[in-house]
């Protein structure tokens, strides 16, 4: 989760900050925990000038007709979902006519959304919006313009996802629309440039040096120190493999 959200943020996608805490209860050690920033009114002010709503997507709930009520309202008036209704109504004809990129350009922040989707596919976040229609937020500002925020990234870096296949409605429609797909491919190129120039491995080793002693002493650890060491080795290997795959793909597309 630390690595996933760091890549999202480096790509300009609003994403939680991540830290580590050692928890004790009445003097008893409960061990090492991830401290993940809640996407609430306080966090949102760091990313947006205004917030009308923050909608939390529930499992397989998406921008389909009849599913507006299925979104949890984490910020804003739960009785007024007119901004979300407007987006769903605009999307409805896209089922027949296509052309999603231009059809909703005034209602969504396409550059942010495409960067978010690019990172999800690259890091193998199969339980996120693109592949699982799960673990995401829609943020609407006072103008009714939507952004897409990642969440629940604990399943990342476990497998290679196809770069142009997914289940999220916005993603599927985008892949069917040539201008949108091209803009997405350009976001993938920006991501490739970021990965090539980044220092994720050195940051990982620095975190490992701090956290490993606590993991060794953790009385309730769900992952032992061997699992931790495997992850420290696997993450750079995963990123290197995906970097090569993405470079080969973009060499054909762009």
Protein backbone atom coordinates (compact mmCIF):
# COMPACT_ATOMS: atom_id res chain seq x y z
CA UNK A 1 0.00 0.00 0.00
CA UNK A 2 2.86 2.37 0.75
CA UNK A 3 4.36 1.75 -2.69
CA UNK A 4 1.03 1.79 -4.52
CA UNK A 5 -0.13 5.11 -3.11
CA UNK A 6 3.34 6.62 -3.60
CA UNK A 7 3.18 5.85 -7.33
CA UNK A 8 -0.35 7.24 -7.57
CA UNK A 9 0.72 10.48 -5.88
CA UNK A 10 3.85 10.77 -8.02
CA UNK A 11 1.55 10.59 -11.05
CA UNK A 12 -0.55 13.47 -9.73
CA UNK A 13 -3.43 11.27 -8.56
CA UNK A 14 -5.03 12.16 -5.20
CA UNK A 15 -4.17 9.21 -2.96
CA UNK A 16 -3.79 8.57 0.77
CA UNK A 17 -0.53 9.10 2.59
CA UNK A 18 0.84 6.07 4.42
CA UNK A 19 2.84 5.63 7.61
CA UNK A 20 3.64 3.02 10.25
CA UNK A 21 2.65 2.85 13.91
CA UNK A 22 3.54 0.57 16.80
CA UNK A 23 0.38 -0.05 18.80
CA UNK A 24 0.13 -0.79 22.52
CA UNK A 25 -3.08 -1.32 24.47
CA UNK A 26 -2.91 -0.98 28.27
CA UNK A 27 0.81 -1.68 28.09
CA UNK A 28 0.43 -4.77 25.88
CA UNK A 29 2.20 -4.73 22.52
CA UNK A 30 -0.18 -5.19 19.63
CA UNK A 31 2.52 -4.77 17.00
CA UNK A 32 3.20 -2.88 13.78
CA UNK A 33 0.31 -1.47 11.74
CA UNK A 34 -0.12 0.55 8.59
CA UNK A 35 -1.53 4.01 9.23
CA UNK A 36 -3.46 4.91 6.07
CA UNK A 37 -4.83 8.41 5.64
CA UNK A 38 -8.61 8.59 5.55
CA UNK A 39 -9.95 10.37 2.47
CA UNK A 40 -12.13 12.85 4.34
CA UNK A 41 -12.74 16.60 4.29
CA UNK A 42 -9.30 17.25 5.79
CA UNK A 43 -7.40 15.16 3.24
CA UNK A 44 -9.43 16.40 0.30
CA UNK A 45 -8.44 20.02 0.92
CA UNK A 46 -4.85 19.05 -0.04
CA UNK A 47 -6.00 17.96 -3.49
CA UNK A 48 -9.09 19.96 -4.43
CA UNK A 49 -10.22 23.57 -4.23
CA UNK A 50 -13.75 22.47 -3.39
CA UNK A 51 -15.74 19.34 -2.53
CA UNK A 52 -19.41 18.88 -3.25
CA UNK A 53 -19.43 15.12 -2.76
CA UNK A 54 -17.15 12.20 -2.09
CA UNK A 55 -18.85 9.00 -3.23
CA UNK A 56 -17.46 5.65 -2.17
CA UNK A 57 -17.97 2.91 -4.71
CA UNK A 58 -19.22 -0.38 -3.32
CA UNK A 59 -18.41 -3.75 -4.88
CA UNK A 60 -19.47 -3.94 -8.58
CA UNK A 61 -21.44 -0.71 -8.18
CA UNK A 62 -20.68 1.66 -11.05
CA UNK A 63 -22.15 4.46 -13.17
CA UNK A 64 -25.05 2.39 -14.47
CA UNK A 65 -28.68 3.46 -14.62
CA UNK A 66 -30.36 2.56 -11.35
CA UNK A 67 -27.15 2.29 -9.30
CA UNK A 68 -26.78 5.87 -8.08
CA UNK A 69 -28.31 5.01 -4.71
CA UNK A 70 -25.72 2.27 -4.23
CA UNK A 71 -22.90 4.77 -3.73
CA UNK A 72 -22.03 5.65 -0.15
CA UNK A 73 -21.81 9.41 0.46
CA UNK A 74 -18.74 10.04 2.61
CA UNK A 75 -18.75 13.83 2.15
CA UNK A 76 -21.56 16.14 1.09
CA UNK A 77 -25.35 16.03 1.18
CA UNK A 78 -26.57 12.43 0.86
CA UNK A 79 -30.04 13.66 -0.11
CA UNK A 80 -28.77 15.52 -3.19
CA UNK A 81 -27.00 13.31 -5.72
CA UNK A 82 -27.85 15.45 -8.72
CA UNK A 83 -24.18 15.73 -9.75
CA UNK A 84 -23.84 11.94 -9.92
CA UNK A 85 -27.20 11.64 -11.69
CA UNK A 86 -26.04 14.14 -14.31
CA UNK A 87 -22.94 12.04 -15.01
CA UNK A 88 -24.92 8.80 -15.27
CA UNK A 89 -27.50 10.45 -17.56
CA UNK A 90 -24.75 11.73 -19.83
CA UNK A 91 -23.20 8.26 -19.97
CA UNK A 92 -26.40 6.44 -20.87
CA UNK A 93 -26.34 7.28 -24.62
CA UNK A 94 -22.68 6.24 -24.81
CA UNK A 95 -23.87 2.63 -24.66
CA UNK A 96 -25.27 3.14 -28.16
CA UNK A 97 -23.29 5.97 -29.71
CA UNK A 98 -19.80 5.65 -28.20
CA UNK A 99 -17.52 8.68 -28.01
CA UNK A 100 -17.17 8.86 -24.24
CA UNK A 101 -14.11 11.13 -24.31
CA UNK A 102 -15.96 14.10 -25.75
CA UNK A 103 -19.38 13.20 -24.34
CA UNK A 104 -18.43 13.77 -20.69
CA UNK A 105 -15.35 16.00 -21.03
CA UNK A 106 -17.02 18.84 -19.11
CA UNK A 107 -18.04 16.53 -16.24
CA UNK A 108 -14.82 14.62 -15.55
CA UNK A 109 -11.14 15.39 -15.12
CA UNK A 110 -9.97 13.04 -17.87
CA UNK A 111 -6.23 13.58 -17.39
CA UNK A 112 -6.49 12.68 -13.68
CA UNK A 113 -8.79 9.72 -14.29
CA UNK A 114 -6.59 8.26 -17.02
CA UNK A 115 -3.48 8.59 -14.88
CA UNK A 116 -5.30 6.81 -12.05
CA UNK A 117 -6.40 3.99 -14.37
CA UNK A 118 -2.91 3.68 -15.85
CA UNK A 119 -1.35 3.22 -12.42
CA UNK A 120 -3.97 0.66 -11.35
CA UNK A 121 -3.28 -1.54 -14.35
CA UNK A 122 0.50 -1.14 -14.12
CA UNK A 123 0.75 -2.11 -10.44
CA UNK A 124 -1.68 -5.01 -10.80
CA UNK A 125 -4.32 -3.51 -8.48
CA UNK A 126 -6.89 -6.12 -9.48
CA UNK A 127 -9.26 -5.17 -6.64
CA UNK A 128 -9.55 -1.54 -7.76
CA UNK A 129 -11.83 0.34 -10.16
CA UNK A 130 -10.43 -0.72 -13.52
CA UNK A 131 -10.40 -4.47 -13.07
CA UNK A 132 -12.73 -5.12 -10.13
CA UNK A 133 -15.12 -2.13 -10.08
CA UNK A 134 -14.24 -1.98 -6.38
CA UNK A 135 -12.23 0.13 -3.91
CA UNK A 136 -12.52 3.63 -5.36
CA UNK A 137 -13.99 7.06 -4.76
CA UNK A 138 -15.65 9.55 -7.09
CA UNK A 139 -14.94 13.11 -6.01
CA UNK A 140 -17.17 15.90 -7.30
CA UNK A 141 -16.18 19.54 -6.87
CA UNK A 142 -18.60 22.47 -6.63
CA UNK A 143 -18.82 22.60 -10.44
CA UNK A 144 -19.90 18.95 -10.59
CA UNK A 145 -16.60 17.85 -12.14
CA UNK A 146 -15.51 14.35 -11.14
CA UNK A 147 -12.15 12.83 -10.27
CA UNK A 148 -11.32 9.21 -9.47
CA UNK A 149 -9.46 8.33 -6.26
CA UNK A 150 -7.89 4.92 -5.51
CA UNK A 151 -8.44 2.92 -2.35
CA UNK A 152 -7.86 -0.56 -0.91
CA UNK A 153 -4.51 -1.06 -2.65
CA UNK A 154 -3.38 -3.97 -0.44
CA UNK A 155 -3.77 -6.45 -3.32
CA UNK A 156 -1.32 -4.66 -5.62
CA UNK A 157 1.90 -6.07 -7.14
CA UNK A 158 0.53 -9.60 -7.07
CA UNK A 159 -0.01 -10.21 -10.77
CA UNK A 160 0.24 -8.71 -14.23
CA UNK A 161 -2.98 -7.13 -15.49
CA UNK A 162 -3.60 -6.48 -19.19
CA UNK A 163 -3.13 -2.79 -19.92
CA UNK A 164 -6.26 -2.37 -22.02
CA UNK A 165 -8.81 -4.74 -20.43
CA UNK A 166 -11.01 -4.00 -17.43
CA UNK A 167 -14.50 -3.99 -15.95
CA UNK A 168 -14.95 -0.42 -14.72
CA UNK A 169 -17.54 1.28 -16.92
CA UNK A 170 -15.51 4.42 -17.62
CA UNK A 171 -12.48 2.32 -18.49
CA UNK A 172 -14.37 -0.04 -20.80
CA UNK A 173 -16.03 2.82 -22.67
CA UNK A 174 -12.68 4.61 -22.90
CA UNK A 175 -11.01 1.61 -24.50
CA UNK A 176 -13.77 1.57 -27.14
CA UNK A 177 -13.23 5.24 -28.04
CA UNK A 178 -10.11 6.02 -30.11
CA UNK A 179 -9.40 9.53 -28.69
CA UNK A 180 -9.86 8.31 -25.12
CA UNK A 181 -7.72 5.23 -25.65
CA UNK A 182 -4.98 7.36 -27.20
CA UNK A 183 -5.06 9.74 -24.22
CA UNK A 184 -4.83 6.72 -21.91
CA UNK A 185 -1.80 5.43 -23.83
CA UNK A 186 -0.12 8.81 -23.39
CA UNK A 187 -0.79 8.52 -19.65
CA UNK A 188 0.92 5.12 -19.75
CA UNK A 189 3.91 6.77 -21.40
CA UNK A 190 4.06 9.36 -18.60
CA UNK A 191 3.94 6.49 -16.11
CA UNK A 192 6.77 4.67 -17.88
CA UNK A 193 8.88 7.84 -17.75
CA UNK A 194 8.13 8.16 -14.03
CA UNK A 195 9.09 4.56 -13.24
CA UNK A 196 12.31 4.87 -15.21
CA UNK A 197 13.34 8.03 -13.37
CA UNK A 198 12.10 7.05 -9.90
CA UNK A 199 13.89 5.83 -6.81
CA UNK A 200 11.33 3.35 -5.52
CA UNK A 201 13.95 0.69 -4.76
CA UNK A 202 16.07 3.00 -2.61
CA UNK A 203 12.99 4.23 -0.75
CA UNK A 204 11.93 0.63 -0.17
CA UNK A 205 15.30 -0.28 1.32
CA UNK A 206 15.15 2.75 3.62
CA UNK A 207 11.71 1.71 4.89
CA UNK A 208 12.89 -1.88 5.27
CA UNK A 209 15.78 -0.73 7.47
CA UNK A 210 13.33 1.01 9.82
CA UNK A 211 10.47 -1.50 9.88
CA UNK A 212 12.23 -4.89 9.85
CA UNK A 213 13.22 -4.85 13.56
CA UNK A 214 9.62 -4.09 14.50
CA UNK A 215 8.35 -6.90 12.29
CA UNK A 216 10.73 -9.29 14.03
CA UNK A 217 9.31 -8.23 17.42
CA UNK A 218 5.65 -8.09 16.35
CA UNK A 219 3.64 -10.51 18.54
CA UNK A 220 0.60 -10.48 16.22
CA UNK A 221 2.21 -10.25 12.79
CA UNK A 222 0.08 -11.63 9.96
CA UNK A 223 3.23 -11.87 7.81
CA UNK A 224 6.47 -13.18 9.25
CA UNK A 225 9.87 -11.66 8.56
CA UNK A 226 10.47 -14.09 5.70
CA UNK A 227 7.32 -12.87 3.99
CA UNK A 228 8.48 -9.31 4.52
CA UNK A 229 11.88 -10.07 2.99
CA UNK A 230 10.18 -11.72 0.01
CA UNK A 231 8.09 -8.58 -0.55
CA UNK A 232 11.15 -6.32 -0.37
CA UNK A 233 12.78 -8.44 -3.07
CA UNK A 234 9.65 -8.99 -5.16
CA UNK A 235 8.53 -5.36 -5.49
CA UNK A 236 11.57 -4.08 -7.46
CA UNK A 237 11.47 -7.25 -9.58
CA UNK A 238 7.76 -6.72 -10.30
CA UNK A 239 8.30 -3.07 -11.26
CA UNK A 240 11.23 -3.97 -13.49
CA UNK A 241 9.24 -6.65 -15.29
CA UNK A 242 6.25 -4.36 -15.79
CA UNK A 243 8.51 -1.56 -17.00
CA UNK A 244 9.86 -3.84 -19.73
CA UNK A 245 6.36 -5.04 -20.68
CA UNK A 246 5.03 -1.49 -20.84
CA UNK A 247 7.97 -0.23 -22.89
CA UNK A 248 7.45 -3.04 -25.42
CA UNK A 249 3.71 -2.31 -25.59
CA UNK A 250 4.12 1.44 -26.07
CA UNK A 251 6.81 0.85 -28.68
CA UNK A 252 4.07 -0.68 -30.81
CA UNK A 253 1.29 1.78 -29.94
CA UNK A 254 2.95 5.19 -29.98
